[in-house]
PDB file of all heavy atoms in Angstrom:
ATOM      1  N   GLY A   1     -49.021 -19.000 -43.216  1.00  0.00           N
ATOM      2  CA  GLY A   1     -49.922 -18.818 -44.344  1.00  0.00           C
ATOM      3  C   GLY A   1     -50.105 -20.082 -45.167  1.00  0.00           C
ATOM      4  O   GLY A   1     -51.167 -20.309 -45.746  1.00  0.00           O
ATOM      5  N   CYS A   2     -49.091 -20.940 -45.215  1.00  0.00           N
ATOM      6  CA  CYS A   2     -49.175 -22.183 -45.994  1.00  0.00           C
ATOM      7  C   CYS A   2     -49.964 -23.268 -45.272  1.00  0.00           C
ATOM      8  O   CYS A   2     -50.218 -24.330 -45.845  1.00  0.00           O
ATOM      9  CB  CYS A   2     -47.773 -22.697 -46.325  1.00  0.00           C
ATOM     10  SG  CYS A   2     -46.793 -23.123 -44.867  1.00  0.00           S
ATOM     11  N   LEU A   3     -50.343 -23.029 -44.032  1.00  0.00           N
ATOM     12  CA  LEU A   3     -51.141 -23.945 -43.223  1.00  0.00           C
ATOM     13  C   LEU A   3     -50.459 -25.292 -42.968  1.00  0.00           C
ATOM     14  O   LEU A   3     -51.118 -26.315 -42.807  1.00  0.00           O
ATOM     15  CB  LEU A   3     -52.533 -24.162 -43.836  1.00  0.00           C
ATOM     16  CG  LEU A   3     -53.380 -22.898 -43.997  1.00  0.00           C
ATOM     17  CD1 LEU A   3     -54.674 -23.221 -44.732  1.00  0.00           C
ATOM     18  CD2 LEU A   3     -53.659 -22.246 -42.667  1.00  0.00           C
ATOM     19  N   THR A   4     -49.124 -25.267 -42.885  1.00  0.00           N
ATOM     20  CA  THR A   4     -48.399 -26.490 -42.536  1.00  0.00           C
ATOM     21  C   THR A   4     -47.833 -26.421 -41.125  1.00  0.00           C
ATOM     22  O   THR A   4     -47.206 -27.371 -40.668  1.00  0.00           O
ATOM     23  CB  THR A   4     -47.264 -26.788 -43.535  1.00  0.00           C
ATOM     24  OG1 THR A   4     -46.307 -25.732 -43.498  1.00  0.00           O
ATOM     25  CG2 THR A   4     -47.803 -26.968 -44.941  1.00  0.00           C
ATOM     26  N   GLY A   5     -48.032 -25.305 -40.439  1.00  0.00           N
ATOM     27  CA  GLY A   5     -47.513 -25.172 -39.090  1.00  0.00           C
ATOM     28  C   GLY A   5     -47.808 -23.811 -38.497  1.00  0.00           C
ATOM     29  O   GLY A   5     -48.622 -23.048 -39.024  1.00  0.00           O
ATOM     30  N   PHE A   6     -47.104 -23.540 -37.398  1.00  0.00           N
ATOM     31  CA  PHE A   6     -47.297 -22.306 -36.639  1.00  0.00           C
ATOM     32  C   PHE A   6     -45.963 -21.623 -36.407  1.00  0.00           C
ATOM     33  O   PHE A   6     -44.916 -22.266 -36.406  1.00  0.00           O
ATOM     34  CB  PHE A   6     -47.915 -22.617 -35.263  1.00  0.00           C
ATOM     35  CG  PHE A   6     -49.324 -23.100 -35.337  1.00  0.00           C
ATOM     36  CD1 PHE A   6     -49.602 -24.450 -35.484  1.00  0.00           C
ATOM     37  CD2 PHE A   6     -50.384 -22.205 -35.260  1.00  0.00           C
ATOM     38  CE1 PHE A   6     -50.906 -24.912 -35.547  1.00  0.00           C
ATOM     39  CE2 PHE A   6     -51.692 -22.659 -35.327  1.00  0.00           C
ATOM     40  CZ  PHE A   6     -51.959 -24.014 -35.472  1.00  0.00           C
ATOM     41  N   TYR A   7     -46.029 -20.322 -36.159  1.00  0.00           N
ATOM     42  CA  TYR A   7     -44.873 -19.581 -35.663  1.00  0.00           C
ATOM     43  C   TYR A   7     -45.086 -19.307 -34.187  1.00  0.00           C
ATOM     44  O   TYR A   7     -46.172 -18.915 -33.764  1.00  0.00           O
ATOM     45  CB  TYR A   7     -44.692 -18.244 -36.396  1.00  0.00           C
ATOM     46  CG  TYR A   7     -44.216 -18.418 -37.808  1.00  0.00           C
ATOM     47  CD1 TYR A   7     -45.026 -18.078 -38.872  1.00  0.00           C
ATOM     48  CD2 TYR A   7     -42.947 -18.937 -38.076  1.00  0.00           C
ATOM     49  CE1 TYR A   7     -44.585 -18.239 -40.171  1.00  0.00           C
ATOM     50  CE2 TYR A   7     -42.501 -19.105 -39.376  1.00  0.00           C
ATOM     51  CZ  TYR A   7     -43.326 -18.755 -40.416  1.00  0.00           C
ATOM     52  OH  TYR A   7     -42.891 -18.920 -41.704  1.00  0.00           O
ATOM     53  N   LEU A   8     -44.040 -19.532 -33.421  1.00  0.00           N
ATOM     54  CA  LEU A   8     -44.015 -19.196 -32.001  1.00  0.00           C
ATOM     55  C   LEU A   8     -42.869 -18.217 -31.818  1.00  0.00           C
ATOM     56  O   LEU A   8     -41.733 -18.514 -32.196  1.00  0.00           O
ATOM     57  CB  LEU A   8     -43.771 -20.448 -31.151  1.00  0.00           C
ATOM     58  CG  LEU A   8     -43.522 -20.233 -29.656  1.00  0.00           C
ATOM     59  CD1 LEU A   8     -44.732 -19.585 -28.984  1.00  0.00           C
ATOM     60  CD2 LEU A   8     -43.168 -21.550 -28.982  1.00  0.00           C
ATOM     61  N   ILE A   9     -43.171 -17.044 -31.291  1.00  0.00           N
ATOM     62  CA  ILE A   9     -42.136 -16.041 -31.036  1.00  0.00           C
ATOM     63  C   ILE A   9     -42.014 -15.879 -29.529  1.00  0.00           C
ATOM     64  O   ILE A   9     -43.003 -15.622 -28.841  1.00  0.00           O
ATOM     65  CB  ILE A   9     -42.459 -14.692 -31.713  1.00  0.00           C
ATOM     66  CG1 ILE A   9     -42.642 -14.894 -33.228  1.00  0.00           C
ATOM     67  CG2 ILE A   9     -41.351 -13.678 -31.428  1.00  0.00           C
ATOM     68  CD1 ILE A   9     -43.081 -13.661 -33.978  1.00  0.00           C
ATOM     69  N   LEU A  10     -40.785 -16.076 -29.041  1.00  0.00           N
ATOM     70  CA  LEU A  10     -40.502 -16.001 -27.607  1.00  0.00           C
ATOM     71  C   LEU A  10     -39.402 -15.001 -27.324  1.00  0.00           C
ATOM     72  O   LEU A  10     -38.506 -14.794 -28.155  1.00  0.00           O
ATOM     73  CB  LEU A  10     -40.032 -17.366 -27.085  1.00  0.00           C
ATOM     74  CG  LEU A  10     -40.982 -18.541 -27.149  1.00  0.00           C
ATOM     75  CD1 LEU A  10     -40.271 -19.809 -26.691  1.00  0.00           C
ATOM     76  CD2 LEU A  10     -42.217 -18.290 -26.308  1.00  0.00           C
ATOM     77  N   LYS A  11     -39.438 -14.442 -26.136  1.00  0.00           N
ATOM     78  CA  LYS A  11     -38.315 -13.654 -25.643  1.00  0.00           C
ATOM     79  C   LYS A  11     -37.141 -14.602 -25.417  1.00  0.00           C
ATOM     80  O   LYS A  11     -37.339 -15.760 -25.032  1.00  0.00           O
ATOM     81  CB  LYS A  11     -38.663 -12.979 -24.320  1.00  0.00           C
ATOM     82  CG  LYS A  11     -39.769 -11.963 -24.403  1.00  0.00           C
ATOM     83  CD  LYS A  11     -40.103 -11.455 -23.013  1.00  0.00           C
ATOM     84  CE  LYS A  11     -41.331 -10.590 -23.031  1.00  0.00           C
ATOM     85  NZ  LYS A  11     -41.752 -10.226 -21.674  1.00  0.00           N
ATOM     86  N   GLY A  12     -35.927 -14.123 -25.636  1.00  0.00           N
ATOM     87  CA  GLY A  12     -34.749 -14.942 -25.375  1.00  0.00           C
ATOM     88  C   GLY A  12     -34.445 -15.871 -26.536  1.00  0.00           C
ATOM     89  O   GLY A  12     -34.985 -15.727 -27.631  1.00  0.00           O
ATOM     90  N   SER A  13     -33.573 -16.816 -26.271  1.00  0.00           N
ATOM     91  CA  SER A  13     -33.178 -17.760 -27.304  1.00  0.00           C
ATOM     92  C   SER A  13     -32.934 -19.118 -26.673  1.00  0.00           C
ATOM     93  O   SER A  13     -32.069 -19.266 -25.815  1.00  0.00           O
ATOM     94  CB  SER A  13     -31.915 -17.268 -28.012  1.00  0.00           C
ATOM     95  OG  SER A  13     -31.556 -18.160 -29.033  1.00  0.00           O
ATOM     96  N   ARG A  14     -33.715 -20.075 -27.082  1.00  0.00           N
ATOM     97  CA  ARG A  14     -33.577 -21.445 -26.602  1.00  0.00           C
ATOM     98  C   ARG A  14     -33.421 -22.363 -27.803  1.00  0.00           C
ATOM     99  O   ARG A  14     -33.800 -22.009 -28.918  1.00  0.00           O
ATOM    100  CB  ARG A  14     -34.825 -21.862 -25.826  1.00  0.00           C
ATOM    101  CG  ARG A  14     -34.999 -21.103 -24.538  1.00  0.00           C
ATOM    102  CD  ARG A  14     -36.409 -21.315 -24.002  1.00  0.00           C
ATOM    103  NE  ARG A  14     -36.683 -20.475 -22.876  1.00  0.00           N
ATOM    104  CZ  ARG A  14     -36.971 -19.184 -22.941  1.00  0.00           C
ATOM    105  NH1 ARG A  14     -37.022 -18.583 -24.096  1.00  0.00           N
ATOM    106  NH2 ARG A  14     -37.212 -18.495 -21.859  1.00  0.00           N
ATOM    107  N   THR A  15     -32.928 -23.532 -27.561  1.00  0.00           N
ATOM    108  CA  THR A  15     -32.833 -24.503 -28.639  1.00  0.00           C
ATOM    109  C   THR A  15     -34.220 -25.101 -28.884  1.00  0.00           C
ATOM    110  O   THR A  15     -35.053 -25.114 -27.965  1.00  0.00           O
ATOM    111  CB  THR A  15     -31.850 -25.636 -28.296  1.00  0.00           C
ATOM    112  OG1 THR A  15     -32.385 -26.395 -27.196  1.00  0.00           O
ATOM    113  CG2 THR A  15     -30.466 -25.089 -27.950  1.00  0.00           C
ATOM    114  N   PRO A  16     -34.458 -25.613 -30.074  1.00  0.00           N
ATOM    115  CA  PRO A  16     -35.731 -26.298 -30.310  1.00  0.00           C
ATOM    116  C   PRO A  16     -35.954 -27.460 -29.334  1.00  0.00           C
ATOM    117  O   PRO A  16     -37.084 -27.701 -28.915  1.00  0.00           O
ATOM    118  CB  PRO A  16     -35.586 -26.794 -31.748  1.00  0.00           C
ATOM    119  CG  PRO A  16     -34.670 -25.816 -32.386  1.00  0.00           C
ATOM    120  CD  PRO A  16     -33.672 -25.474 -31.301  1.00  0.00           C
ATOM    121  N   GLN A  17     -34.868 -28.136 -28.950  1.00  0.00           N
ATOM    122  CA  GLN A  17     -34.998 -29.245 -28.001  1.00  0.00           C
ATOM    123  C   GLN A  17     -35.554 -28.765 -26.662  1.00  0.00           C
ATOM    124  O   GLN A  17     -36.269 -29.505 -25.990  1.00  0.00           O
ATOM    125  CB  GLN A  17     -33.647 -29.935 -27.792  1.00  0.00           C
ATOM    126  CG  GLN A  17     -33.155 -30.688 -29.004  1.00  0.00           C
ATOM    127  CD  GLN A  17     -32.352 -29.835 -29.988  1.00  0.00           C
ATOM    128  OE1 GLN A  17     -32.437 -28.610 -30.003  1.00  0.00           O
ATOM    129  NE2 GLN A  17     -31.577 -30.492 -30.840  1.00  0.00           N
ATOM    130  N   GLU A  18     -35.218 -27.534 -26.277  1.00  0.00           N
ATOM    131  CA  GLU A  18     -35.729 -26.984 -25.020  1.00  0.00           C
ATOM    132  C   GLU A  18     -37.234 -26.702 -25.085  1.00  0.00           C
ATOM    133  O   GLU A  18     -37.879 -26.551 -24.050  1.00  0.00           O
ATOM    134  CB  GLU A  18     -34.976 -25.709 -24.649  1.00  0.00           C
ATOM    135  CG  GLU A  18     -33.545 -25.962 -24.247  1.00  0.00           C
ATOM    136  CD  GLU A  18     -32.781 -24.675 -23.993  1.00  0.00           C
ATOM    137  OE1 GLU A  18     -32.383 -24.018 -24.982  1.00  0.00           O
ATOM    138  OE2 GLU A  18     -32.601 -24.322 -22.811  1.00  0.00           O
ATOM    139  N   LEU A  19     -37.788 -26.624 -26.277  1.00  0.00           N
ATOM    140  CA  LEU A  19     -39.221 -26.371 -26.444  1.00  0.00           C
ATOM    141  C   LEU A  19     -40.020 -27.662 -26.641  1.00  0.00           C
ATOM    142  O   LEU A  19     -41.249 -27.631 -26.698  1.00  0.00           O
ATOM    143  CB  LEU A  19     -39.461 -25.456 -27.649  1.00  0.00           C
ATOM    144  CG  LEU A  19     -38.824 -24.080 -27.566  1.00  0.00           C
ATOM    145  CD1 LEU A  19     -39.197 -23.268 -28.783  1.00  0.00           C
ATOM    146  CD2 LEU A  19     -39.216 -23.364 -26.296  1.00  0.00           C
ATOM    147  N   TYR A  20     -39.320 -28.772 -26.737  1.00  0.00           N
ATOM    148  CA  TYR A  20     -39.970 -30.050 -27.021  1.00  0.00           C
ATOM    149  C   TYR A  20     -41.101 -30.349 -26.028  1.00  0.00           C
ATOM    150  O   TYR A  20     -42.238 -30.605 -26.433  1.00  0.00           O
ATOM    151  CB  TYR A  20     -38.935 -31.178 -27.020  1.00  0.00           C
ATOM    152  CG  TYR A  20     -39.551 -32.537 -27.165  1.00  0.00           C
ATOM    153  CD1 TYR A  20     -39.870 -33.043 -28.419  1.00  0.00           C
ATOM    154  CD2 TYR A  20     -39.830 -33.315 -26.048  1.00  0.00           C
ATOM    155  CE1 TYR A  20     -40.458 -34.298 -28.558  1.00  0.00           C
ATOM    156  CE2 TYR A  20     -40.420 -34.569 -26.182  1.00  0.00           C
ATOM    157  CZ  TYR A  20     -40.724 -35.052 -27.435  1.00  0.00           C
ATOM    158  OH  TYR A  20     -41.310 -36.279 -27.568  1.00  0.00           O
ATOM    159  N   GLU A  21     -40.826 -30.320 -24.740  1.00  0.00           N
ATOM    160  CA  GLU A  21     -41.848 -30.646 -23.724  1.00  0.00           C
ATOM    161  C   GLU A  21     -43.001 -29.644 -23.767  1.00  0.00           C
ATOM    162  O   GLU A  21     -44.166 -30.038 -23.633  1.00  0.00           O
ATOM    163  CB  GLU A  21     -41.241 -30.695 -22.322  1.00  0.00           C
ATOM    164  CG  GLU A  21     -40.336 -31.877 -22.075  1.00  0.00           C
ATOM    165  CD  GLU A  21     -41.051 -33.222 -22.127  1.00  0.00           C
ATOM    166  OE1 GLU A  21     -42.240 -33.297 -21.732  1.00  0.00           O
ATOM    167  OE2 GLU A  21     -40.423 -34.197 -22.581  1.00  0.00           O
ATOM    168  N   LEU A  22     -42.679 -28.369 -23.954  1.00  0.00           N
ATOM    169  CA  LEU A  22     -43.722 -27.346 -24.031  1.00  0.00           C
ATOM    170  C   LEU A  22     -44.664 -27.642 -25.191  1.00  0.00           C
ATOM    171  O   LEU A  22     -45.894 -27.635 -25.029  1.00  0.00           O
ATOM    172  CB  LEU A  22     -43.107 -25.953 -24.191  1.00  0.00           C
ATOM    173  CG  LEU A  22     -44.097 -24.816 -24.435  1.00  0.00           C
ATOM    174  CD1 LEU A  22     -44.992 -24.600 -23.219  1.00  0.00           C
ATOM    175  CD2 LEU A  22     -43.353 -23.538 -24.799  1.00  0.00           C
ATOM    176  N   MET A  23     -44.110 -27.908 -26.363  1.00  0.00           N
ATOM    177  CA  MET A  23     -44.951 -28.169 -27.536  1.00  0.00           C
ATOM    178  C   MET A  23     -45.710 -29.486 -27.397  1.00  0.00           C
ATOM    179  O   MET A  23     -46.894 -29.556 -27.720  1.00  0.00           O
ATOM    180  CB  MET A  23     -44.103 -28.171 -28.816  1.00  0.00           C
ATOM    181  CG  MET A  23     -43.617 -26.796 -29.230  1.00  0.00           C
ATOM    182  SD  MET A  23     -44.971 -25.679 -29.706  1.00  0.00           S
ATOM    183  CE  MET A  23     -45.266 -24.779 -28.194  1.00  0.00           C
ATOM    184  N   LEU A  24     -45.048 -30.505 -26.889  1.00  0.00           N
ATOM    185  CA  LEU A  24     -45.728 -31.782 -26.684  1.00  0.00           C
ATOM    186  C   LEU A  24     -46.913 -31.600 -25.734  1.00  0.00           C
ATOM    187  O   LEU A  24     -48.033 -32.040 -26.021  1.00  0.00           O
ATOM    188  CB  LEU A  24     -44.748 -32.819 -26.132  1.00  0.00           C
ATOM    189  CG  LEU A  24     -45.316 -34.211 -25.894  1.00  0.00           C
ATOM    190  CD1 LEU A  24     -45.868 -34.821 -27.183  1.00  0.00           C
ATOM    191  CD2 LEU A  24     -44.257 -35.105 -25.272  1.00  0.00           C
ATOM    192  N   ASN A  25     -46.689 -30.923 -24.623  1.00  0.00           N
ATOM    193  CA  ASN A  25     -47.764 -30.691 -23.649  1.00  0.00           C
ATOM    194  C   ASN A  25     -48.867 -29.800 -24.210  1.00  0.00           C
ATOM    195  O   ASN A  25     -50.056 -30.018 -23.944  1.00  0.00           O
ATOM    196  CB  ASN A  25     -47.203 -30.106 -22.356  1.00  0.00           C
ATOM    197  CG  ASN A  25     -46.335 -31.094 -21.610  1.00  0.00           C
ATOM    198  OD1 ASN A  25     -46.479 -32.307 -21.763  1.00  0.00           O
ATOM    199  ND2 ASN A  25     -45.414 -30.593 -20.814  1.00  0.00           N
ATOM    200  N   ALA A  26     -48.486 -28.787 -24.988  1.00  0.00           N
ATOM    201  CA  ALA A  26     -49.480 -27.889 -25.587  1.00  0.00           C
ATOM    202  C   ALA A  26     -50.402 -28.660 -26.529  1.00  0.00           C
ATOM    203  O   ALA A  26     -51.631 -28.526 -26.463  1.00  0.00           O
ATOM    204  CB  ALA A  26     -48.796 -26.748 -26.325  1.00  0.00           C
ATOM    205  N   PHE A  27     -49.812 -29.476 -27.392  1.00  0.00           N
ATOM    206  CA  PHE A  27     -50.634 -30.229 -28.333  1.00  0.00           C
ATOM    207  C   PHE A  27     -51.414 -31.339 -27.626  1.00  0.00           C
ATOM    208  O   PHE A  27     -52.557 -31.619 -27.998  1.00  0.00           O
ATOM    209  CB  PHE A  27     -49.788 -30.755 -29.498  1.00  0.00           C
ATOM    210  CG  PHE A  27     -49.547 -29.695 -30.534  1.00  0.00           C
ATOM    211  CD1 PHE A  27     -48.464 -28.845 -30.435  1.00  0.00           C
ATOM    212  CD2 PHE A  27     -50.429 -29.526 -31.594  1.00  0.00           C
ATOM    213  CE1 PHE A  27     -48.246 -27.845 -31.375  1.00  0.00           C
ATOM    214  CE2 PHE A  27     -50.224 -28.535 -32.537  1.00  0.00           C
ATOM    215  CZ  PHE A  27     -49.133 -27.691 -32.433  1.00  0.00           C
ATOM    216  N   ARG A  28     -50.849 -31.939 -26.597  1.00  0.00           N
ATOM    217  CA  ARG A  28     -51.583 -32.954 -25.821  1.00  0.00           C
ATOM    218  C   ARG A  28     -52.772 -32.317 -25.085  1.00  0.00           C
ATOM    219  O   ARG A  28     -53.804 -32.954 -24.903  1.00  0.00           O
ATOM    220  CB  ARG A  28     -50.659 -33.641 -24.815  1.00  0.00           C
ATOM    221  CG  ARG A  28     -49.785 -34.703 -25.410  1.00  0.00           C
ATOM    222  CD  ARG A  28     -50.591 -35.975 -25.621  1.00  0.00           C
ATOM    223  NE  ARG A  28     -49.785 -36.976 -26.282  1.00  0.00           N
ATOM    224  CZ  ARG A  28     -50.152 -37.613 -27.389  1.00  0.00           C
ATOM    225  NH1 ARG A  28     -51.303 -37.353 -27.958  1.00  0.00           N
ATOM    226  NH2 ARG A  28     -49.379 -38.519 -27.933  1.00  0.00           N
ATOM    227  N   SER A  29     -52.622 -31.059 -24.668  1.00  0.00           N
ATOM    228  CA  SER A  29     -53.687 -30.391 -23.914  1.00  0.00           C
ATOM    229  C   SER A  29     -54.959 -30.203 -24.734  1.00  0.00           C
ATOM    230  O   SER A  29     -56.048 -30.055 -24.170  1.00  0.00           O
ATOM    231  CB  SER A  29     -53.211 -29.034 -23.396  1.00  0.00           C
ATOM    232  OG  SER A  29     -53.208 -28.061 -24.432  1.00  0.00           O
ATOM    233  N   VAL A  30     -54.836 -30.203 -26.046  1.00  0.00           N
ATOM    234  CA  VAL A  30     -56.000 -29.981 -26.911  1.00  0.00           C
ATOM    235  C   VAL A  30     -57.068 -31.051 -26.662  1.00  0.00           C
ATOM    236  O   VAL A  30     -58.266 -30.761 -26.731  1.00  0.00           O
ATOM    237  CB  VAL A  30     -55.567 -29.926 -28.396  1.00  0.00           C
ATOM    238  CG1 VAL A  30     -56.777 -29.793 -29.329  1.00  0.00           C
ATOM    239  CG2 VAL A  30     -54.575 -28.777 -28.627  1.00  0.00           C
ATOM    240  N   ASN A  31     -56.646 -32.272 -26.330  1.00  0.00           N
ATOM    241  CA  ASN A  31     -57.593 -33.361 -26.051  1.00  0.00           C
ATOM    242  C   ASN A  31     -58.576 -33.022 -24.940  1.00  0.00           C
ATOM    243  O   ASN A  31     -59.716 -33.471 -24.973  1.00  0.00           O
ATOM    244  CB  ASN A  31     -56.850 -34.641 -25.664  1.00  0.00           C
ATOM    245  CG  ASN A  31     -56.673 -35.546 -26.836  1.00  0.00           C
ATOM    246  OD1 ASN A  31     -57.430 -35.495 -27.794  1.00  0.00           O
ATOM    247  ND2 ASN A  31     -55.658 -36.367 -26.770  1.00  0.00           N
ATOM    248  N   GLY A  32     -58.133 -32.263 -23.950  1.00  0.00           N
ATOM    249  CA  GLY A  32     -58.990 -31.959 -22.802  1.00  0.00           C
ATOM    250  C   GLY A  32     -59.911 -30.779 -23.002  1.00  0.00           C
ATOM    251  O   GLY A  32     -60.724 -30.466 -22.127  1.00  0.00           O
ATOM    252  N   VAL A  33     -59.831 -30.131 -24.146  1.00  0.00           N
ATOM    253  CA  VAL A  33     -60.649 -28.941 -24.400  1.00  0.00           C
ATOM    254  C   VAL A  33     -62.047 -29.363 -24.837  1.00  0.00           C
ATOM    255  O   VAL A  33     -62.208 -30.224 -25.697  1.00  0.00           O
ATOM    256  CB  VAL A  33     -59.972 -28.060 -25.477  1.00  0.00           C
ATOM    257  CG1 VAL A  33     -60.872 -26.911 -25.896  1.00  0.00           C
ATOM    258  CG2 VAL A  33     -58.637 -27.543 -24.984  1.00  0.00           C
ATOM    259  N   THR A  34     -63.049 -28.750 -24.224  1.00  0.00           N
ATOM    260  CA  THR A  34     -64.434 -29.043 -24.605  1.00  0.00           C
ATOM    261  C   THR A  34     -65.056 -27.906 -25.411  1.00  0.00           C
ATOM    262  O   THR A  34     -66.100 -28.077 -26.025  1.00  0.00           O
ATOM    263  CB  THR A  34     -65.299 -29.311 -23.358  1.00  0.00           C
ATOM    264  OG1 THR A  34     -65.227 -28.173 -22.492  1.00  0.00           O
ATOM    265  CG2 THR A  34     -64.815 -30.557 -22.623  1.00  0.00           C
ATOM    266  N   GLU A  35     -64.402 -26.747 -25.393  1.00  0.00           N
ATOM    267  CA  GLU A  35     -64.896 -25.589 -26.133  1.00  0.00           C
ATOM    268  C   GLU A  35     -63.698 -24.739 -26.524  1.00  0.00           C
ATOM    269  O   GLU A  35     -62.820 -24.464 -25.695  1.00  0.00           O
ATOM    270  CB  GLU A  35     -65.848 -24.795 -25.239  1.00  0.00           C
ATOM    271  CG  GLU A  35     -66.510 -23.639 -25.916  1.00  0.00           C
ATOM    272  CD  GLU A  35     -67.499 -22.958 -24.984  1.00  0.00           C
ATOM    273  OE1 GLU A  35     -68.343 -23.663 -24.393  1.00  0.00           O
ATOM    274  OE2 GLU A  35     -67.396 -21.721 -24.842  1.00  0.00           O
ATOM    275  N   VAL A  36     -63.646 -24.302 -27.778  1.00  0.00           N
ATOM    276  CA  VAL A  36     -62.547 -23.460 -28.242  1.00  0.00           C
ATOM    277  C   VAL A  36     -62.682 -22.091 -27.573  1.00  0.00           C
ATOM    278  O   VAL A  36     -63.741 -21.455 -27.666  1.00  0.00           O
ATOM    279  CB  VAL A  36     -62.563 -23.324 -29.779  1.00  0.00           C
ATOM    280  CG1 VAL A  36     -61.438 -22.405 -30.247  1.00  0.00           C
ATOM    281  CG2 VAL A  36     -62.460 -24.692 -30.440  1.00  0.00           C
ATOM    282  N   PRO A  37     -61.624 -21.629 -26.890  1.00  0.00           N
ATOM    283  CA  PRO A  37     -61.713 -20.324 -26.222  1.00  0.00           C
ATOM    284  C   PRO A  37     -61.747 -19.171 -27.223  1.00  0.00           C
ATOM    285  O   PRO A  37     -61.163 -19.255 -28.299  1.00  0.00           O
ATOM    286  CB  PRO A  37     -60.431 -20.275 -25.374  1.00  0.00           C
ATOM    287  CG  PRO A  37     -59.512 -21.278 -25.967  1.00  0.00           C
ATOM    288  CD  PRO A  37     -60.340 -22.293 -26.676  1.00  0.00           C
TER     289      PRO A  37
END
């Protein structure tokens, strides 16, 4: 609601470090988008 970030809810429990590549790749993927789905 404060518009400073997002919540991601996942099954299981991983460390934030384990999500690093996922988040990096997710945000990098935005560059290749030509139309918002």
